[in-house]
């Protein structure tokens, strides 16, 4: 197998060749190491040299032999150092596997590296004082989004077919949109949080990954989803495998389209969402204009819970981070967490309910909601300055939601959402479109996502930095 063949395959295609004996796991790993080195040289998307040897995994799992990178988002893989993108964390090593990591191992995924993320995952830009900016393979002067930005860059560049990430306000969907990928945020309780936490960010942070194809998202979800005994949240099990939903007929659906936001939306971005609505109508769905009535201020207030839970983790750590080594918004998070009261927490929980209730009611009248993923094109490097001391935490949340006003409400409410790379701007930059479904209906998202992938295919698009 040549490097260009490796880079052109998704995880399902690569696994099929391994099973057929046309390529060995060792050969695939060798190619993946070459691809990671080539991509990282241009993109600055790895925090460490590739793992040597790769992290151990089952040779019999459904995705055995498929390369993976994991995100630097905390203690995740036993024995692997982590920094959460911060200069303030030095010498921290994960003592146990995250439950998601355990499932990656059981699935047979070959974990080869750790990808960059913004400090403590609190930005839609992966540009840290510790590691510098991660660059977008579609345009090196543009950002990759965040917080799963390094993972997105490496998948888009063909270095690995899929990568781990998590989503606290759009952190899978935002980089998926910036880098031309599929980014699925599962329902609350679909994927695990433990063993070190029963919930993260008051239930607003979700573990999963980034892929280039819908079928890879479905197969990965089959491999890692399911309840954990004792965890606070659990989603109802699916009727069948998610892989079986790809290509299945969703029936005639009621789909609402919303391109409005409390901030300006780039006409190119809005236009792609409108065009996708027309495609869905052409396929045979009932498409109307509509959206849940959610106050953006309530979304910001609810997302404060995610921010202060991060600050609380810093304050409770055996070795607290040196504030002088933190970037400015992280210092603000630390200071605001220390002054947060029980009444402030209750205000955030009340805001969660004010967001969740209208969204839940909306999905009694509609099957899907379609929106842009972002309000803008992938921004230039430096457009989101996390080290700006003028921001309070709420100021910062409002600032990043100017870029991504469509994603965070569904972290608050727990509904599944997926970003699909359905457009390109005049400048040749990816434009993502988001689909949202009722709680537990990832099956419906995958059916319709597969319809759109067939009607408006994106797989042959390649960024300017591509390892092949």
Protein backbone atom coordinates (compact mmCIF):
# COMPACT_ATOMS: atom_id res chain seq x y z
CA UNK A 1 0.00 0.00 0.00
CA UNK A 2 1.24 3.48 -0.88
CA UNK A 3 0.79 6.55 1.30
CA UNK A 4 -1.79 8.06 -1.06
CA UNK A 5 -3.88 4.88 -0.83
CA UNK A 6 -3.72 4.91 2.95
CA UNK A 7 -4.72 8.57 3.16
CA UNK A 8 -7.65 8.12 0.79
CA UNK A 9 -9.31 5.40 2.88
CA UNK A 10 -11.74 5.89 5.73
CA UNK A 11 -11.59 3.64 8.79
CA UNK A 12 -14.15 1.16 7.46
CA UNK A 13 -12.32 0.85 4.15
CA UNK A 14 -8.96 0.42 5.87
CA UNK A 15 -10.31 -2.24 8.22
CA UNK A 16 -11.79 -4.14 5.26
CA UNK A 17 -8.37 -4.33 3.57
CA UNK A 18 -6.76 -5.53 6.80
CA UNK A 19 -9.40 -8.25 7.21
CA UNK A 20 -8.96 -9.32 3.60
CA UNK A 21 -5.21 -9.69 4.15
CA UNK A 22 -4.37 -7.09 1.50
CA UNK A 23 -2.38 -5.07 4.01
CA UNK A 24 -1.06 -5.86 7.49
CA UNK A 25 -1.60 -3.90 10.69
CA UNK A 26 2.15 -3.27 10.84
CA UNK A 27 2.19 -1.83 7.32
CA UNK A 28 -0.74 0.45 8.15
CA UNK A 29 0.97 1.65 11.32
CA UNK A 30 4.16 2.43 9.42
CA UNK A 31 2.22 4.50 6.89
CA UNK A 32 0.30 6.27 9.65
CA UNK A 33 3.55 7.27 11.36
CA UNK A 34 4.86 8.73 8.09
CA UNK A 35 1.57 10.54 7.56
CA UNK A 36 1.52 11.99 11.08
CA UNK A 37 5.07 13.30 10.75
CA UNK A 38 4.32 14.90 7.38
CA UNK A 39 1.08 16.52 8.52
CA UNK A 40 2.42 17.74 11.84
CA UNK A 41 5.35 19.46 10.17
CA UNK A 42 2.89 21.79 8.44
CA UNK A 43 0.02 21.90 10.94
CA UNK A 44 1.54 21.72 14.45
CA UNK A 45 -1.19 19.37 15.62
CA UNK A 46 0.63 16.90 17.93
CA UNK A 47 1.63 17.64 21.53
CA UNK A 48 4.17 14.81 21.72
CA UNK A 49 6.16 12.70 19.27
CA UNK A 50 4.09 9.73 18.08
CA UNK A 51 3.86 6.97 20.69
CA UNK A 52 6.48 4.27 20.25
CA UNK A 53 5.22 1.64 20.67
CA UNK A 54 1.56 2.35 19.97
CA UNK A 55 -0.79 1.99 22.91
CA UNK A 56 -1.97 -1.59 23.33
CA UNK A 57 -5.35 -2.63 21.94
CA UNK A 58 -7.34 -5.75 21.06
CA UNK A 59 -6.36 -7.43 17.78
CA UNK A 60 -9.91 -8.71 17.42
CA UNK A 61 -11.98 -5.54 17.77
CA UNK A 62 -14.31 -4.23 15.07
CA UNK A 63 -11.82 -1.50 14.10
CA UNK A 64 -8.64 -3.46 14.81
CA UNK A 65 -5.57 -1.98 13.15
CA UNK A 66 -7.11 1.42 12.37
CA UNK A 67 -4.86 4.33 13.50
CA UNK A 68 -6.15 6.91 16.00
CA UNK A 69 -4.96 9.99 17.85
CA UNK A 70 -6.42 11.10 21.17
CA UNK A 71 -6.98 14.65 22.34
CA UNK A 72 -4.96 16.35 25.07
CA UNK A 73 -8.06 17.00 27.16
CA UNK A 74 -7.03 15.57 30.52
CA UNK A 75 -6.02 12.24 32.03
CA UNK A 76 -7.15 9.94 29.23
CA UNK A 77 -4.70 7.13 28.43
CA UNK A 78 -2.90 5.33 31.24
CA UNK A 79 0.76 6.28 31.40
CA UNK A 80 0.48 9.13 28.88
CA UNK A 81 1.43 12.69 29.98
CA UNK A 82 -1.22 15.37 29.53
CA UNK A 83 -1.19 19.17 29.73
CA UNK A 84 -4.67 20.33 28.63
CA UNK A 85 -2.75 22.75 26.42
CA UNK A 86 -1.34 24.60 29.41
CA UNK A 87 2.15 25.68 30.48
CA UNK A 88 0.92 25.32 34.07
CA UNK A 89 0.60 21.54 33.91
CA UNK A 90 3.96 19.81 33.90
CA UNK A 91 4.66 16.23 34.83
CA UNK A 92 1.00 15.17 34.95
CA UNK A 93 0.49 11.59 33.78
CA UNK A 94 -2.78 9.68 33.53
CA UNK A 95 -2.93 6.93 36.14
CA UNK A 96 -5.85 5.06 34.60
CA UNK A 97 -7.63 4.86 31.28
CA UNK A 98 -10.70 6.98 30.68
CA UNK A 99 -13.61 4.63 29.97
CA UNK A 100 -13.64 5.96 26.40
CA UNK A 101 -9.97 5.02 26.05
CA UNK A 102 -10.76 1.53 27.32
CA UNK A 103 -13.39 1.25 24.60
CA UNK A 104 -10.96 2.49 21.95
CA UNK A 105 -8.59 -0.29 23.04
CA UNK A 106 -11.36 -2.91 22.94
CA UNK A 107 -12.35 -1.72 19.46
CA UNK A 108 -8.79 -2.43 18.34
CA UNK A 109 -7.88 1.12 17.44
CA UNK A 110 -4.13 1.72 17.26
CA UNK A 111 -3.45 4.88 19.26
CA UNK A 112 -0.38 6.62 17.89
CA UNK A 113 -0.38 10.15 19.27
CA UNK A 114 -1.94 13.01 21.20
CA UNK A 115 -3.45 16.04 19.48
CA UNK A 116 -3.40 19.71 20.44
CA UNK A 117 -6.23 21.54 22.16
CA UNK A 118 -6.70 25.05 23.60
CA UNK A 119 -5.85 25.61 27.25
CA UNK A 120 -8.37 23.65 29.36
CA UNK A 121 -10.55 23.25 26.26
CA UNK A 122 -12.16 26.65 26.73
CA UNK A 123 -11.80 28.13 23.26
CA UNK A 124 -12.98 27.71 19.69
CA UNK A 125 -9.37 28.33 18.60
CA UNK A 126 -6.55 25.80 19.05
CA UNK A 127 -3.78 28.34 19.52
CA UNK A 128 -1.96 28.04 22.85
CA UNK A 129 0.92 29.78 24.54
CA UNK A 130 2.35 26.33 25.23
CA UNK A 131 2.25 24.80 21.74
CA UNK A 132 1.56 27.71 19.41
CA UNK A 133 -1.17 27.75 16.76
CA UNK A 134 -2.46 24.64 15.04
CA UNK A 135 -2.93 25.50 11.37
CA UNK A 136 -5.80 24.63 9.07
CA UNK A 137 -4.87 22.23 6.24
CA UNK A 138 -7.24 24.10 3.90
CA UNK A 139 -5.41 27.41 4.47
CA UNK A 140 -2.41 27.66 6.76
CA UNK A 141 -3.27 31.20 7.84
CA UNK A 142 -6.65 30.05 9.18
CA UNK A 143 -7.59 28.40 12.47
CA UNK A 144 -8.88 24.86 12.94
CA UNK A 145 -11.54 25.68 15.51
CA UNK A 146 -11.64 24.14 18.95
CA UNK A 147 -11.39 22.61 21.23
CA UNK A 148 -10.76 19.37 19.31
CA UNK A 149 -8.69 21.29 16.78
CA UNK A 150 -5.54 19.18 16.55
CA UNK A 151 -7.58 16.04 15.98
CA UNK A 152 -9.57 17.77 13.24
CA UNK A 153 -6.43 19.00 11.46
CA UNK A 154 -4.87 15.53 11.39
CA UNK A 155 -7.99 13.78 10.12
CA UNK A 156 -8.55 16.44 7.43
CA UNK A 157 -4.95 16.11 6.25
CA UNK A 158 -5.26 12.34 5.86
CA UNK A 159 -2.84 11.48 8.68
CA UNK A 160 -5.42 9.30 10.47
CA UNK A 161 -8.93 8.33 9.37
CA UNK A 162 -10.50 9.25 12.69
CA UNK A 163 -9.55 10.90 15.96
CA UNK A 164 -10.82 11.35 19.49
CA UNK A 165 -12.38 14.59 20.64
CA UNK A 166 -14.98 15.90 23.02
CA UNK A 167 -17.60 18.61 22.87
CA UNK A 168 -18.44 21.10 25.63
CA UNK A 169 -20.11 23.85 23.58
CA UNK A 170 -19.37 22.81 20.01
CA UNK A 171 -15.85 21.45 20.40
CA UNK A 172 -16.35 18.60 17.90
CA UNK A 173 -18.72 20.36 15.52
CA UNK A 174 -16.79 23.65 15.32
CA UNK A 175 -13.47 22.08 14.20
CA UNK A 176 -15.41 19.68 11.94
CA UNK A 177 -16.86 22.72 10.17
CA UNK A 178 -13.49 24.49 10.00
CA UNK A 179 -11.70 21.43 8.60
CA UNK A 180 -14.33 19.84 6.36
CA UNK A 181 -15.18 16.80 8.51
CA UNK A 182 -18.05 14.91 10.07
CA UNK A 183 -18.44 15.87 13.72
CA UNK A 184 -21.08 14.05 15.77
CA UNK A 185 -21.97 15.14 19.30
CA UNK A 186 -23.93 12.25 20.82
CA UNK A 187 -26.92 12.47 23.15
CA UNK A 188 -26.27 13.00 26.83
CA UNK A 189 -25.50 9.62 28.34
CA UNK A 190 -24.63 7.92 25.04
CA UNK A 191 -20.87 7.85 25.68
CA UNK A 192 -19.04 7.50 29.01
CA UNK A 193 -17.46 10.11 31.28
CA UNK A 194 -15.71 7.95 33.89
CA UNK A 195 -14.01 6.60 35.79
CA UNK A 196 -12.63 9.86 37.22
CA UNK A 197 -15.89 11.77 36.72
CA UNK A 198 -19.56 10.81 36.72
CA UNK A 199 -20.34 13.84 34.59
CA UNK A 200 -18.27 16.66 33.16
CA UNK A 201 -19.36 20.28 33.03
CA UNK A 202 -22.71 19.57 34.71
CA UNK A 203 -23.53 17.07 31.99
CA UNK A 204 -22.65 19.42 29.12
CA UNK A 205 -19.45 17.73 27.87
CA UNK A 206 -19.60 14.72 25.54
CA UNK A 207 -16.89 12.28 24.40
CA UNK A 208 -16.67 11.01 20.83
CA UNK A 209 -14.56 11.69 17.71
CA UNK A 210 -14.08 13.20 14.27
CA UNK A 211 -14.30 11.32 10.96
CA UNK A 212 -14.25 11.97 7.23
CA UNK A 213 -17.32 9.84 6.42
CA UNK A 214 -20.74 9.21 7.93
CA UNK A 215 -20.22 5.45 8.00
CA UNK A 216 -17.07 5.89 10.09
CA UNK A 217 -19.05 7.96 12.60
CA UNK A 218 -21.66 5.19 12.77
CA UNK A 219 -19.14 2.38 13.23
CA UNK A 220 -17.22 4.36 15.85
CA UNK A 221 -20.44 5.05 17.76
CA UNK A 222 -21.24 1.33 17.73
CA UNK A 223 -17.79 0.65 19.16
CA UNK A 224 -17.81 3.14 22.03
CA UNK A 225 -21.41 3.89 23.04
CA UNK A 226 -23.34 2.30 25.87
CA UNK A 227 -24.04 2.83 29.56
CA UNK A 228 -21.58 2.54 32.41
CA UNK A 229 -22.87 1.14 35.69
CA UNK A 230 -23.13 3.93 38.22
CA UNK A 231 -22.82 6.90 35.85
CA UNK A 232 -25.38 9.63 36.32
CA UNK A 233 -26.70 9.70 32.75
CA UNK A 234 -27.63 6.91 30.35
CA UNK A 235 -29.31 7.20 26.96
CA UNK A 236 -31.81 4.56 25.83
CA UNK A 237 -30.09 1.87 23.73
CA UNK A 238 -30.60 2.00 19.97
CA UNK A 239 -32.95 -0.41 18.23
CA UNK A 240 -30.07 -1.79 16.13
CA UNK A 241 -26.48 -1.05 15.21
CA UNK A 242 -25.79 2.50 14.09
CA UNK A 243 -23.87 1.13 11.10
CA UNK A 244 -27.17 -0.32 9.87
CA UNK A 245 -28.70 3.19 9.81
CA UNK A 246 -26.33 4.35 7.07
CA UNK A 247 -28.35 3.92 3.89
CA UNK A 248 -31.60 3.17 5.73
CA UNK A 249 -34.71 5.10 4.67
CA UNK A 250 -35.60 7.73 7.29
CA UNK A 251 -39.08 8.22 5.85
CA UNK A 252 -40.61 11.61 5.19
CA UNK A 253 -39.39 13.94 7.93
CA UNK A 254 -40.42 17.32 9.28
CA UNK A 255 -37.27 19.45 9.07
CA UNK A 256 -36.97 23.06 10.23
CA UNK A 257 -34.25 25.34 8.86
CA UNK A 258 -32.82 28.20 10.92
CA UNK A 259 -30.08 30.56 9.72
CA UNK A 260 -30.84 33.37 12.16
CA UNK A 261 -28.60 34.22 15.08
CA UNK A 262 -28.06 37.11 17.52
CA UNK A 263 -24.83 37.86 15.62
CA UNK A 264 -24.21 38.45 11.88
CA UNK A 265 -24.09 35.26 9.81
CA UNK A 266 -21.83 35.22 6.76
CA UNK A 267 -24.06 35.10 3.64
CA UNK A 268 -21.99 32.26 2.18
CA UNK A 269 -22.50 30.22 5.35
CA UNK A 270 -26.22 30.90 5.53
CA UNK A 271 -26.56 30.20 1.81
CA UNK A 272 -25.11 26.70 2.16
CA UNK A 273 -27.61 25.86 4.91
CA UNK A 274 -30.49 27.13 2.77
CA UNK A 275 -29.23 25.09 -0.18
CA UNK A 276 -29.05 21.96 1.97
CA UNK A 277 -32.64 22.59 3.00
CA UNK A 278 -33.58 22.61 -0.68
CA UNK A 279 -31.72 19.32 -1.19
CA UNK A 280 -33.64 17.75 1.68
CA UNK A 281 -36.89 19.01 0.19
CA UNK A 282 -35.89 17.54 -3.18
CA UNK A 283 -35.17 14.20 -1.48
CA UNK A 284 -38.75 14.24 -0.19
CA UNK A 285 -38.77 15.77 3.28
CA UNK A 286 -41.11 18.51 4.51
CA UNK A 287 -38.89 21.55 5.03
CA UNK A 288 -40.03 24.73 6.80
CA UNK A 289 -38.44 27.68 8.59
CA UNK A 290 -38.33 27.42 12.37
CA UNK A 291 -36.22 27.20 15.51
CA UNK A 292 -36.56 26.66 19.27
CA UNK A 293 -37.15 29.90 21.17
CA UNK A 294 -34.01 30.03 23.29
CA UNK A 295 -32.54 33.14 24.89
CA UNK A 296 -28.79 33.33 24.04
CA UNK A 297 -28.17 34.85 27.48
CA UNK A 298 -29.46 31.63 29.05
CA UNK A 299 -27.05 29.59 26.92
CA UNK A 300 -24.14 31.74 28.17
CA UNK A 301 -25.30 31.38 31.78
CA UNK A 302 -25.65 27.62 31.46
CA UNK A 303 -22.21 27.36 29.85
CA UNK A 304 -20.76 29.14 32.86
CA UNK A 305 -21.29 25.81 34.63
CA UNK A 306 -18.88 24.13 32.21
CA UNK A 307 -16.31 26.89 32.71
CA UNK A 308 -16.45 26.90 36.51
CA UNK A 309 -16.35 23.10 36.66
CA UNK A 310 -13.02 23.43 34.85
CA UNK A 311 -11.93 26.03 37.40
CA UNK A 312 -13.07 23.76 40.24
CA UNK A 313 -10.94 20.93 38.87
CA UNK A 314 -7.95 23.29 38.92
CA UNK A 315 -8.67 24.39 42.49
CA UNK A 316 -9.12 20.81 43.71
CA UNK A 317 -6.02 19.43 42.01
CA UNK A 318 -3.28 18.14 44.33
CA UNK A 319 -0.92 20.63 42.69
CA UNK A 320 -2.79 23.78 41.71
CA UNK A 321 -1.62 25.44 38.51
CA UNK A 322 0.55 28.53 38.88
CA UNK A 323 -1.69 31.45 37.77
CA UNK A 324 1.36 33.16 36.29
CA UNK A 325 1.66 30.30 33.78
CA UNK A 326 -2.00 30.39 32.76
CA UNK A 327 -3.39 32.31 29.82
CA UNK A 328 -5.63 35.24 30.70
CA UNK A 329 -9.06 33.64 30.30
CA UNK A 330 -7.95 30.62 32.35
CA UNK A 331 -6.88 33.02 35.12
CA UNK A 332 -10.31 34.63 34.92
CA UNK A 333 -11.95 31.21 35.15
CA UNK A 334 -9.88 30.37 38.21
CA UNK A 335 -10.71 33.68 39.91
CA UNK A 336 -14.42 33.53 39.09
CA UNK A 337 -14.71 29.92 40.24
CA UNK A 338 -13.24 30.84 43.60
CA UNK A 339 -15.99 33.45 44.10
CA UNK A 340 -18.83 31.34 42.65
CA UNK A 341 -21.58 30.61 45.18
CA UNK A 342 -24.30 27.98 45.50
CA UNK A 343 -26.74 30.62 44.27
CA UNK A 344 -24.63 31.11 41.14
CA UNK A 345 -24.69 27.36 40.51
CA UNK A 346 -28.47 27.32 40.92
CA UNK A 347 -28.76 30.22 38.47
CA UNK A 348 -26.80 28.17 35.94
CA UNK A 349 -28.99 25.10 36.50
CA UNK A 350 -32.12 27.22 36.12
CA UNK A 351 -30.70 28.50 32.82
CA UNK A 352 -30.13 24.88 31.72
CA UNK A 353 -33.85 24.23 32.19
CA UNK A 354 -34.84 27.40 30.34
CA UNK A 355 -32.74 26.21 27.38
CA UNK A 356 -33.73 22.54 27.50
CA UNK A 357 -37.49 23.00 27.79
CA UNK A 358 -38.17 24.88 24.52
CA UNK A 359 -35.76 22.60 22.64
CA UNK A 360 -37.52 19.52 23.95
CA UNK A 361 -40.92 20.93 22.95
CA UNK A 362 -39.56 21.85 19.51
CA UNK A 363 -38.79 18.21 18.78
CA UNK A 364 -42.38 17.17 19.48
CA UNK A 365 -43.30 19.17 16.36
CA UNK A 366 -40.21 18.58 14.20
CA UNK A 367 -37.97 15.60 13.51
CA UNK A 368 -34.82 17.57 12.70
CA UNK A 369 -33.41 21.08 12.92
CA UNK A 370 -30.95 22.28 10.27
CA UNK A 371 -28.62 25.24 10.92
CA UNK A 372 -25.19 26.45 9.88
CA UNK A 373 -22.57 25.03 12.23
CA UNK A 374 -20.71 28.35 12.47
CA UNK A 375 -21.77 31.91 11.76
CA UNK A 376 -18.51 32.66 9.95
CA UNK A 377 -15.86 31.04 7.79
CA UNK A 378 -12.86 29.53 9.60
CA UNK A 379 -11.29 32.63 11.18
CA UNK A 380 -7.72 33.80 10.63
CA UNK A 381 -5.15 32.73 13.18
CA UNK A 382 -5.20 35.11 16.12
CA UNK A 383 -8.80 36.22 15.67
CA UNK A 384 -9.78 34.69 19.03
CA UNK A 385 -7.26 35.90 21.63
CA UNK A 386 -7.57 33.65 24.69
CA UNK A 387 -4.71 35.48 26.39
CA UNK A 388 -6.56 38.83 26.42
CA UNK A 389 -6.84 40.03 30.06
CA UNK A 390 -9.80 42.28 29.25
CA UNK A 391 -12.25 39.35 29.06
CA UNK A 392 -14.37 38.17 31.95
CA UNK A 393 -15.52 34.56 31.59
CA UNK A 394 -18.97 35.63 30.36
CA UNK A 395 -17.35 38.11 27.94
CA UNK A 396 -15.23 35.30 26.55
CA UNK A 397 -18.20 32.96 26.11
CA UNK A 398 -20.10 35.68 24.26
CA UNK A 399 -17.05 36.28 22.08
CA UNK A 400 -16.61 32.67 20.98
CA UNK A 401 -20.36 32.33 20.46
CA UNK A 402 -20.09 35.10 17.87
CA UNK A 403 -18.22 32.50 15.82
CA UNK A 404 -20.36 29.53 16.85
CA UNK A 405 -23.83 30.64 18.02
CA UNK A 406 -25.62 27.50 16.82
CA UNK A 407 -23.91 24.71 18.77
CA UNK A 408 -23.81 25.27 22.54
CA UNK A 409 -27.57 25.14 23.21
CA UNK A 410 -27.55 21.43 22.39
CA UNK A 411 -24.75 20.74 24.85
CA UNK A 412 -27.00 22.32 27.45
CA UNK A 413 -30.10 20.38 26.39
CA UNK A 414 -28.40 17.05 25.70
CA UNK A 415 -29.72 16.60 22.16
CA UNK A 416 -27.55 14.87 19.53
CA UNK A 417 -26.15 17.03 16.72
CA UNK A 418 -23.89 16.46 13.75
CA UNK A 419 -21.88 18.82 11.54
CA UNK A 420 -21.50 17.81 7.89
CA UNK A 421 -19.02 19.36 5.38
CA UNK A 422 -21.60 20.32 2.79
CA UNK A 423 -20.18 23.55 1.39
CA UNK A 424 -17.09 25.40 0.22
CA UNK A 425 -16.68 29.15 0.24
CA UNK A 426 -15.45 31.21 -2.71
CA UNK A 427 -12.08 31.16 -0.97
CA UNK A 428 -12.10 27.34 -0.92
CA UNK A 429 -12.76 27.07 2.82
CA UNK A 430 -15.06 24.38 4.28
CA UNK A 431 -18.56 25.28 5.45
CA UNK A 432 -20.37 22.95 7.83
CA UNK A 433 -24.09 22.43 8.26
CA UNK A 434 -25.54 21.16 11.54
CA UNK A 435 -28.41 18.71 11.98
CA UNK A 436 -30.02 18.25 15.40
CA UNK A 437 -32.48 15.55 16.48
CA UNK A 438 -34.56 14.60 19.51
CA UNK A 439 -32.73 13.04 22.44
CA UNK A 440 -31.54 9.53 21.63
CA UNK A 441 -32.13 9.82 17.88
CA UNK A 442 -28.59 9.50 16.57
CA UNK A 443 -30.10 6.88 14.26
CA UNK A 444 -32.14 9.57 12.52
CA UNK A 445 -29.16 11.90 12.22
CA UNK A 446 -27.07 9.17 10.61
CA UNK A 447 -29.80 8.20 8.13
CA UNK A 448 -30.25 11.76 6.91
CA UNK A 449 -26.51 12.49 7.02
CA UNK A 450 -25.99 9.49 4.74
CA UNK A 451 -28.67 10.80 2.37
CA UNK A 452 -26.85 14.13 2.17
CA UNK A 453 -23.45 12.46 1.74
CA UNK A 454 -24.86 10.63 -1.28
CA UNK A 455 -26.72 13.64 -2.70
CA UNK A 456 -23.87 16.15 -2.17
CA UNK A 457 -20.69 14.06 -1.73
CA UNK A 458 -17.62 15.60 -0.15
CA UNK A 459 -15.22 12.68 0.09
CA UNK A 460 -13.10 13.59 -2.93
CA UNK A 461 -12.37 17.12 -1.67
CA UNK A 462 -8.85 17.47 -0.33
CA UNK A 463 -7.23 20.39 1.47
CA UNK A 464 -4.02 21.94 0.23
CA UNK A 465 -2.10 20.13 3.00
CA UNK A 466 -2.83 16.44 2.46
CA UNK A 467 -0.29 13.74 3.19
CA UNK A 468 -0.80 11.93 -0.12
